[in-house]
């Protein structure tokens, strides 16, 4: 399963970068924590798949999904999809929440990928 290890390594790097750029966020600790947890789990899945625990990916993914669901009402119907990519600075609080929700969905997807490592 070489491609799966490679994909988990890419996700680990993406999540590590996402955690690193949160330092100037108004609330960096929760975001650095979820992205850092995703990076750690993805790296573990990439480098030590035989010992990787699928429940860890499930736990992190569940937290990400629950958090995203909690954020959706703040942005649903208030933000156009193109607004997410129009500029990288914070345009409106709703755009920021929509971007954060997308990040959480990516974490959940990454944890789904990591969980595949444990399947045989």
N, C-alpha and C. Protein backbone atom coordinates (compact mmCIF):
# COMPACT_ATOMS: atom_id res chain seq x y z
N UNK A 1 0.82 -1.20 0.00
CA UNK A 1 0.00 0.00 0.00
C UNK A 1 0.86 1.26 0.00
N UNK A 2 1.75 1.35 -0.95
CA UNK A 2 2.65 2.48 -1.02
C UNK A 2 1.95 3.80 -1.26
N UNK A 3 0.92 3.80 -2.11
CA UNK A 3 0.22 5.05 -2.41
C UNK A 3 -0.47 5.59 -1.17
N UNK A 4 -0.96 4.71 -0.32
CA UNK A 4 -1.66 5.13 0.88
C UNK A 4 -0.70 5.78 1.87
N UNK A 5 0.48 5.21 1.99
CA UNK A 5 1.49 5.83 2.85
C UNK A 5 1.87 7.20 2.32
N UNK A 6 2.06 7.30 1.02
CA UNK A 6 2.40 8.58 0.41
C UNK A 6 1.31 9.62 0.61
N UNK A 7 0.07 9.20 0.44
CA UNK A 7 -1.05 10.14 0.63
C UNK A 7 -1.12 10.61 2.08
N UNK A 8 -0.89 9.70 3.03
CA UNK A 8 -0.89 10.10 4.44
C UNK A 8 0.27 11.04 4.75
N UNK A 9 1.40 10.83 4.13
CA UNK A 9 2.54 11.73 4.32
C UNK A 9 2.21 13.12 3.79
N UNK A 10 1.59 13.19 2.63
CA UNK A 10 1.18 14.49 2.08
C UNK A 10 0.20 15.17 3.02
N UNK A 11 -0.77 14.43 3.54
CA UNK A 11 -1.74 15.02 4.46
C UNK A 11 -1.05 15.49 5.74
N UNK A 12 -0.08 14.73 6.23
CA UNK A 12 0.66 15.15 7.43
C UNK A 12 1.35 16.48 7.19
N UNK A 13 1.95 16.64 6.02
CA UNK A 13 2.62 17.91 5.69
C UNK A 13 1.62 19.05 5.55
N UNK A 14 0.50 18.79 4.92
CA UNK A 14 -0.54 19.81 4.75
C UNK A 14 -1.07 20.26 6.11
N UNK A 15 -1.35 19.30 6.99
CA UNK A 15 -1.86 19.65 8.31
C UNK A 15 -0.81 20.36 9.16
N UNK A 16 0.45 19.96 9.03
CA UNK A 16 1.51 20.65 9.77
C UNK A 16 1.62 22.09 9.31
N UNK A 17 1.53 22.32 8.01
CA UNK A 17 1.56 23.69 7.48
C UNK A 17 0.36 24.48 7.99
N UNK A 18 -0.83 23.86 7.96
CA UNK A 18 -2.04 24.53 8.43
C UNK A 18 -1.91 24.91 9.91
N UNK A 19 -1.33 24.02 10.70
CA UNK A 19 -1.13 24.33 12.12
C UNK A 19 -0.15 25.49 12.29
N UNK A 20 0.90 25.50 11.48
CA UNK A 20 1.93 26.54 11.60
C UNK A 20 1.40 27.93 11.26
N UNK A 21 0.49 28.02 10.31
CA UNK A 21 0.01 29.34 9.90
C UNK A 21 -1.11 29.87 10.79
N UNK A 22 -1.50 29.11 11.79
CA UNK A 22 -2.56 29.56 12.69
C UNK A 22 -2.05 30.51 13.79
N UNK A 23 -0.75 30.72 13.86
CA UNK A 23 -0.18 31.53 14.96
C UNK A 23 -0.76 32.94 15.02
N UNK A 24 -1.19 33.49 13.90
CA UNK A 24 -1.74 34.86 13.92
C UNK A 24 -3.26 34.88 13.90
N UNK A 25 -3.89 33.73 14.09
CA UNK A 25 -5.34 33.65 14.14
C UNK A 25 -5.83 34.22 15.48
N UNK A 26 -7.01 34.80 15.52
CA UNK A 26 -7.52 35.33 16.80
C UNK A 26 -7.66 34.25 17.88
N UNK A 27 -7.90 33.02 17.47
CA UNK A 27 -8.01 31.91 18.43
C UNK A 27 -7.15 30.73 17.93
N UNK A 28 -5.82 30.86 18.04
CA UNK A 28 -4.94 29.87 17.43
C UNK A 28 -4.93 28.49 18.10
N UNK A 29 -5.11 28.42 19.39
CA UNK A 29 -4.94 27.14 20.09
C UNK A 29 -5.87 26.03 19.60
N UNK A 30 -7.17 26.27 19.47
CA UNK A 30 -8.02 25.16 18.99
C UNK A 30 -7.67 24.72 17.56
N UNK A 31 -7.31 25.70 16.72
CA UNK A 31 -7.00 25.36 15.33
C UNK A 31 -5.65 24.67 15.21
N UNK A 32 -4.68 25.14 15.96
CA UNK A 32 -3.38 24.46 15.95
C UNK A 32 -3.53 23.04 16.51
N UNK A 33 -4.42 22.87 17.47
CA UNK A 33 -4.63 21.55 18.07
C UNK A 33 -5.24 20.57 17.08
N UNK A 34 -6.30 20.97 16.38
CA UNK A 34 -6.96 20.03 15.46
C UNK A 34 -6.07 19.72 14.27
N UNK A 35 -5.39 20.75 13.72
CA UNK A 35 -4.48 20.49 12.61
C UNK A 35 -3.25 19.72 13.06
N UNK A 36 -2.76 20.02 14.25
CA UNK A 36 -1.61 19.28 14.79
C UNK A 36 -1.95 17.82 15.03
N UNK A 37 -3.15 17.57 15.57
CA UNK A 37 -3.59 16.19 15.78
C UNK A 37 -3.71 15.46 14.44
N UNK A 38 -4.24 16.14 13.45
CA UNK A 38 -4.34 15.55 12.12
C UNK A 38 -2.97 15.24 11.53
N UNK A 39 -2.03 16.17 11.73
CA UNK A 39 -0.66 15.96 11.23
C UNK A 39 -0.02 14.76 11.92
N UNK A 40 -0.16 14.69 13.23
CA UNK A 40 0.45 13.59 13.98
C UNK A 40 -0.15 12.24 13.57
N UNK A 41 -1.47 12.18 13.47
CA UNK A 41 -2.12 10.92 13.09
C UNK A 41 -1.76 10.51 11.67
N UNK A 42 -1.71 11.47 10.77
CA UNK A 42 -1.36 11.16 9.38
C UNK A 42 0.09 10.69 9.28
N UNK A 43 0.99 11.33 10.03
CA UNK A 43 2.40 10.92 10.02
C UNK A 43 2.54 9.51 10.60
N UNK A 44 1.84 9.23 11.69
CA UNK A 44 1.88 7.90 12.29
C UNK A 44 1.39 6.86 11.28
N UNK A 45 0.31 7.17 10.59
CA UNK A 45 -0.25 6.25 9.60
C UNK A 45 0.73 6.04 8.44
N UNK A 46 1.48 7.09 8.09
CA UNK A 46 2.42 6.98 6.97
C UNK A 46 3.68 6.22 7.36
N UNK A 47 4.20 6.48 8.55
CA UNK A 47 5.50 5.92 8.92
C UNK A 47 5.43 4.63 9.73
N UNK A 48 4.31 4.38 10.39
CA UNK A 48 4.19 3.16 11.20
C UNK A 48 2.79 2.56 11.04
N UNK A 49 2.43 2.20 9.82
CA UNK A 49 1.07 1.74 9.58
C UNK A 49 0.71 0.47 10.37
N UNK A 50 1.70 -0.35 10.68
CA UNK A 50 1.41 -1.60 11.40
C UNK A 50 0.94 -1.32 12.82
N UNK A 51 1.35 -0.21 13.40
CA UNK A 51 0.96 0.09 14.78
C UNK A 51 -0.10 1.18 14.87
N UNK A 52 -0.51 1.71 13.73
CA UNK A 52 -1.49 2.80 13.74
C UNK A 52 -2.82 2.31 14.26
N UNK A 53 -3.43 3.10 15.10
CA UNK A 53 -4.72 2.77 15.69
C UNK A 53 -5.83 3.55 14.98
N UNK A 54 -6.70 2.80 14.32
CA UNK A 54 -7.77 3.43 13.55
C UNK A 54 -8.71 4.25 14.41
N UNK A 55 -8.87 3.88 15.67
CA UNK A 55 -9.77 4.63 16.55
C UNK A 55 -9.30 6.07 16.72
N UNK A 56 -7.98 6.29 16.66
CA UNK A 56 -7.45 7.65 16.79
C UNK A 56 -7.93 8.52 15.63
N UNK A 57 -7.81 8.00 14.42
CA UNK A 57 -8.29 8.74 13.25
C UNK A 57 -9.79 8.97 13.36
N UNK A 58 -10.51 7.96 13.84
CA UNK A 58 -11.96 8.10 14.02
C UNK A 58 -12.31 9.18 15.02
N UNK A 59 -11.56 9.24 16.11
CA UNK A 59 -11.81 10.26 17.14
C UNK A 59 -11.55 11.66 16.60
N UNK A 60 -10.41 11.85 15.96
CA UNK A 60 -10.07 13.17 15.41
C UNK A 60 -11.06 13.56 14.32
N UNK A 61 -11.40 12.62 13.45
CA UNK A 61 -12.37 12.89 12.39
C UNK A 61 -13.74 13.24 12.93
N UNK A 62 -14.16 12.55 13.99
CA UNK A 62 -15.46 12.83 14.61
C UNK A 62 -15.49 14.22 15.23
N UNK A 63 -14.41 14.58 15.91
CA UNK A 63 -14.32 15.93 16.48
C UNK A 63 -14.41 16.98 15.36
N UNK A 64 -13.68 16.74 14.27
CA UNK A 64 -13.68 17.70 13.15
C UNK A 64 -15.08 17.83 12.54
N UNK A 65 -15.76 16.71 12.34
CA UNK A 65 -17.11 16.76 11.76
C UNK A 65 -18.08 17.47 12.70
N UNK A 66 -18.04 17.13 13.98
CA UNK A 66 -18.96 17.76 14.94
C UNK A 66 -18.70 19.26 15.01
N UNK A 67 -17.45 19.66 14.99
CA UNK A 67 -17.09 21.08 15.03
C UNK A 67 -17.58 21.78 13.77
N UNK A 68 -17.38 21.13 12.61
CA UNK A 68 -17.84 21.72 11.35
C UNK A 68 -19.35 21.89 11.34
N UNK A 69 -20.06 20.88 11.82
CA UNK A 69 -21.53 20.96 11.87
C UNK A 69 -21.96 22.12 12.76
N UNK A 70 -21.24 22.32 13.85
CA UNK A 70 -21.58 23.43 14.76
C UNK A 70 -21.34 24.79 14.12
N UNK A 71 -20.37 24.88 13.19
CA UNK A 71 -20.04 26.15 12.55
C UNK A 71 -20.92 26.47 11.34
N UNK A 72 -21.45 25.46 10.69
CA UNK A 72 -22.19 25.66 9.44
C UNK A 72 -23.29 26.72 9.54
N UNK A 73 -24.11 26.75 10.60
CA UNK A 73 -25.18 27.76 10.64
C UNK A 73 -24.69 29.21 10.61
N UNK A 74 -23.45 29.44 11.02
CA UNK A 74 -22.92 30.80 11.02
C UNK A 74 -22.60 31.32 9.62
N UNK A 75 -22.43 30.40 8.66
CA UNK A 75 -22.04 30.83 7.31
C UNK A 75 -23.00 30.37 6.22
N UNK A 76 -23.84 29.40 6.50
CA UNK A 76 -24.72 28.83 5.47
C UNK A 76 -25.63 29.91 4.88
N UNK A 77 -25.58 30.06 3.59
CA UNK A 77 -26.42 31.03 2.90
C UNK A 77 -25.92 32.47 2.98
N UNK A 78 -24.80 32.69 3.67
CA UNK A 78 -24.27 34.04 3.82
C UNK A 78 -22.98 34.26 3.04
N UNK A 79 -22.43 33.17 2.51
CA UNK A 79 -21.14 33.24 1.83
C UNK A 79 -21.24 32.49 0.50
N UNK A 80 -20.77 33.14 -0.55
CA UNK A 80 -20.69 32.46 -1.84
C UNK A 80 -19.40 31.66 -1.88
N UNK A 81 -19.41 30.56 -2.60
CA UNK A 81 -18.23 29.70 -2.70
C UNK A 81 -17.02 30.48 -3.20
N UNK A 82 -17.21 31.38 -4.15
CA UNK A 82 -16.09 32.15 -4.69
C UNK A 82 -15.49 33.10 -3.67
N UNK A 83 -16.25 33.49 -2.65
CA UNK A 83 -15.73 34.38 -1.61
C UNK A 83 -14.64 33.71 -0.78
N UNK A 84 -14.66 32.38 -0.74
CA UNK A 84 -13.65 31.67 0.05
C UNK A 84 -12.25 31.85 -0.52
N UNK A 85 -12.16 32.12 -1.81
CA UNK A 85 -10.86 32.20 -2.48
C UNK A 85 -10.56 33.58 -3.05
N UNK A 86 -11.44 34.55 -2.84
CA UNK A 86 -11.27 35.88 -3.44
C UNK A 86 -10.06 36.62 -2.90
N UNK A 87 -9.80 36.50 -1.62
CA UNK A 87 -8.64 37.14 -0.99
C UNK A 87 -8.29 36.32 0.24
N UNK A 88 -7.02 36.31 0.62
CA UNK A 88 -6.62 35.46 1.73
C UNK A 88 -6.70 36.15 3.08
N UNK A 89 -6.88 37.46 3.09
CA UNK A 89 -7.11 38.10 4.39
C UNK A 89 -8.57 37.91 4.78
N UNK A 90 -8.86 38.14 6.03
CA UNK A 90 -10.24 37.96 6.50
C UNK A 90 -11.13 39.05 5.90
N UNK A 91 -12.09 38.63 5.10
CA UNK A 91 -13.01 39.58 4.48
C UNK A 91 -14.16 39.90 5.43
N UNK A 92 -14.85 38.87 5.88
CA UNK A 92 -15.96 39.03 6.82
C UNK A 92 -15.90 37.86 7.81
N UNK A 93 -16.52 37.99 8.95
CA UNK A 93 -16.55 36.86 9.88
C UNK A 93 -17.20 35.61 9.26
N UNK A 94 -18.20 35.79 8.43
CA UNK A 94 -18.85 34.65 7.79
C UNK A 94 -17.91 33.90 6.84
N UNK A 95 -17.10 34.65 6.09
CA UNK A 95 -16.12 34.02 5.20
C UNK A 95 -15.10 33.25 6.02
N UNK A 96 -14.66 33.82 7.11
CA UNK A 96 -13.70 33.15 7.99
C UNK A 96 -14.28 31.84 8.52
N UNK A 97 -15.51 31.86 8.96
CA UNK A 97 -16.16 30.65 9.48
C UNK A 97 -16.31 29.61 8.37
N UNK A 98 -16.67 30.05 7.18
CA UNK A 98 -16.80 29.11 6.05
C UNK A 98 -15.46 28.47 5.72
N UNK A 99 -14.39 29.24 5.75
CA UNK A 99 -13.06 28.68 5.51
C UNK A 99 -12.67 27.70 6.61
N UNK A 100 -12.96 28.05 7.85
CA UNK A 100 -12.66 27.16 8.97
C UNK A 100 -13.44 25.85 8.83
N UNK A 101 -14.69 25.95 8.40
CA UNK A 101 -15.50 24.75 8.21
C UNK A 101 -14.89 23.86 7.13
N UNK A 102 -14.44 24.47 6.05
CA UNK A 102 -13.78 23.70 4.98
C UNK A 102 -12.53 23.00 5.51
N UNK A 103 -11.76 23.69 6.33
CA UNK A 103 -10.57 23.09 6.93
C UNK A 103 -10.92 21.88 7.78
N UNK A 104 -11.99 21.98 8.53
CA UNK A 104 -12.42 20.85 9.37
C UNK A 104 -12.88 19.67 8.52
N UNK A 105 -13.53 19.95 7.41
CA UNK A 105 -13.94 18.88 6.50
C UNK A 105 -12.71 18.20 5.91
N UNK A 106 -11.68 18.96 5.60
CA UNK A 106 -10.44 18.39 5.09
C UNK A 106 -9.77 17.51 6.16
N UNK A 107 -9.79 17.96 7.41
CA UNK A 107 -9.24 17.14 8.50
C UNK A 107 -10.01 15.82 8.59
N UNK A 108 -11.33 15.89 8.54
CA UNK A 108 -12.15 14.67 8.61
C UNK A 108 -11.82 13.73 7.45
N UNK A 109 -11.67 14.28 6.25
CA UNK A 109 -11.33 13.45 5.09
C UNK A 109 -9.94 12.83 5.27
N UNK A 110 -9.01 13.62 5.76
CA UNK A 110 -7.66 13.10 6.01
C UNK A 110 -7.66 11.98 7.03
N UNK A 111 -8.51 12.10 8.03
CA UNK A 111 -8.59 11.05 9.03
C UNK A 111 -9.24 9.79 8.46
N UNK A 112 -10.15 9.98 7.50
CA UNK A 112 -10.70 8.83 6.80
C UNK A 112 -9.63 8.10 6.01
N UNK A 113 -8.76 8.86 5.39
CA UNK A 113 -7.63 8.28 4.67
C UNK A 113 -6.69 7.55 5.62
N UNK A 114 -6.40 8.17 6.75
CA UNK A 114 -5.52 7.54 7.74
C UNK A 114 -6.15 6.24 8.26
N UNK A 115 -7.43 6.22 8.45
CA UNK A 115 -8.10 5.03 8.95
C UNK A 115 -8.00 3.86 7.97
N UNK A 116 -7.86 4.16 6.68
CA UNK A 116 -7.72 3.10 5.68
C UNK A 116 -6.44 2.29 5.89
N UNK A 117 -5.43 2.90 6.50
CA UNK A 117 -4.16 2.22 6.72
C UNK A 117 -4.36 0.96 7.55
N UNK A 118 -5.21 1.03 8.55
CA UNK A 118 -5.42 -0.09 9.44
C UNK A 118 -6.24 -1.22 8.84
N UNK A 119 -6.87 -0.99 7.71
CA UNK A 119 -7.67 -2.03 7.07
C UNK A 119 -6.80 -2.93 6.23
N UNK A 120 -7.08 -4.16 6.24
CA UNK A 120 -6.33 -5.12 5.42
C UNK A 120 -7.30 -5.95 4.61
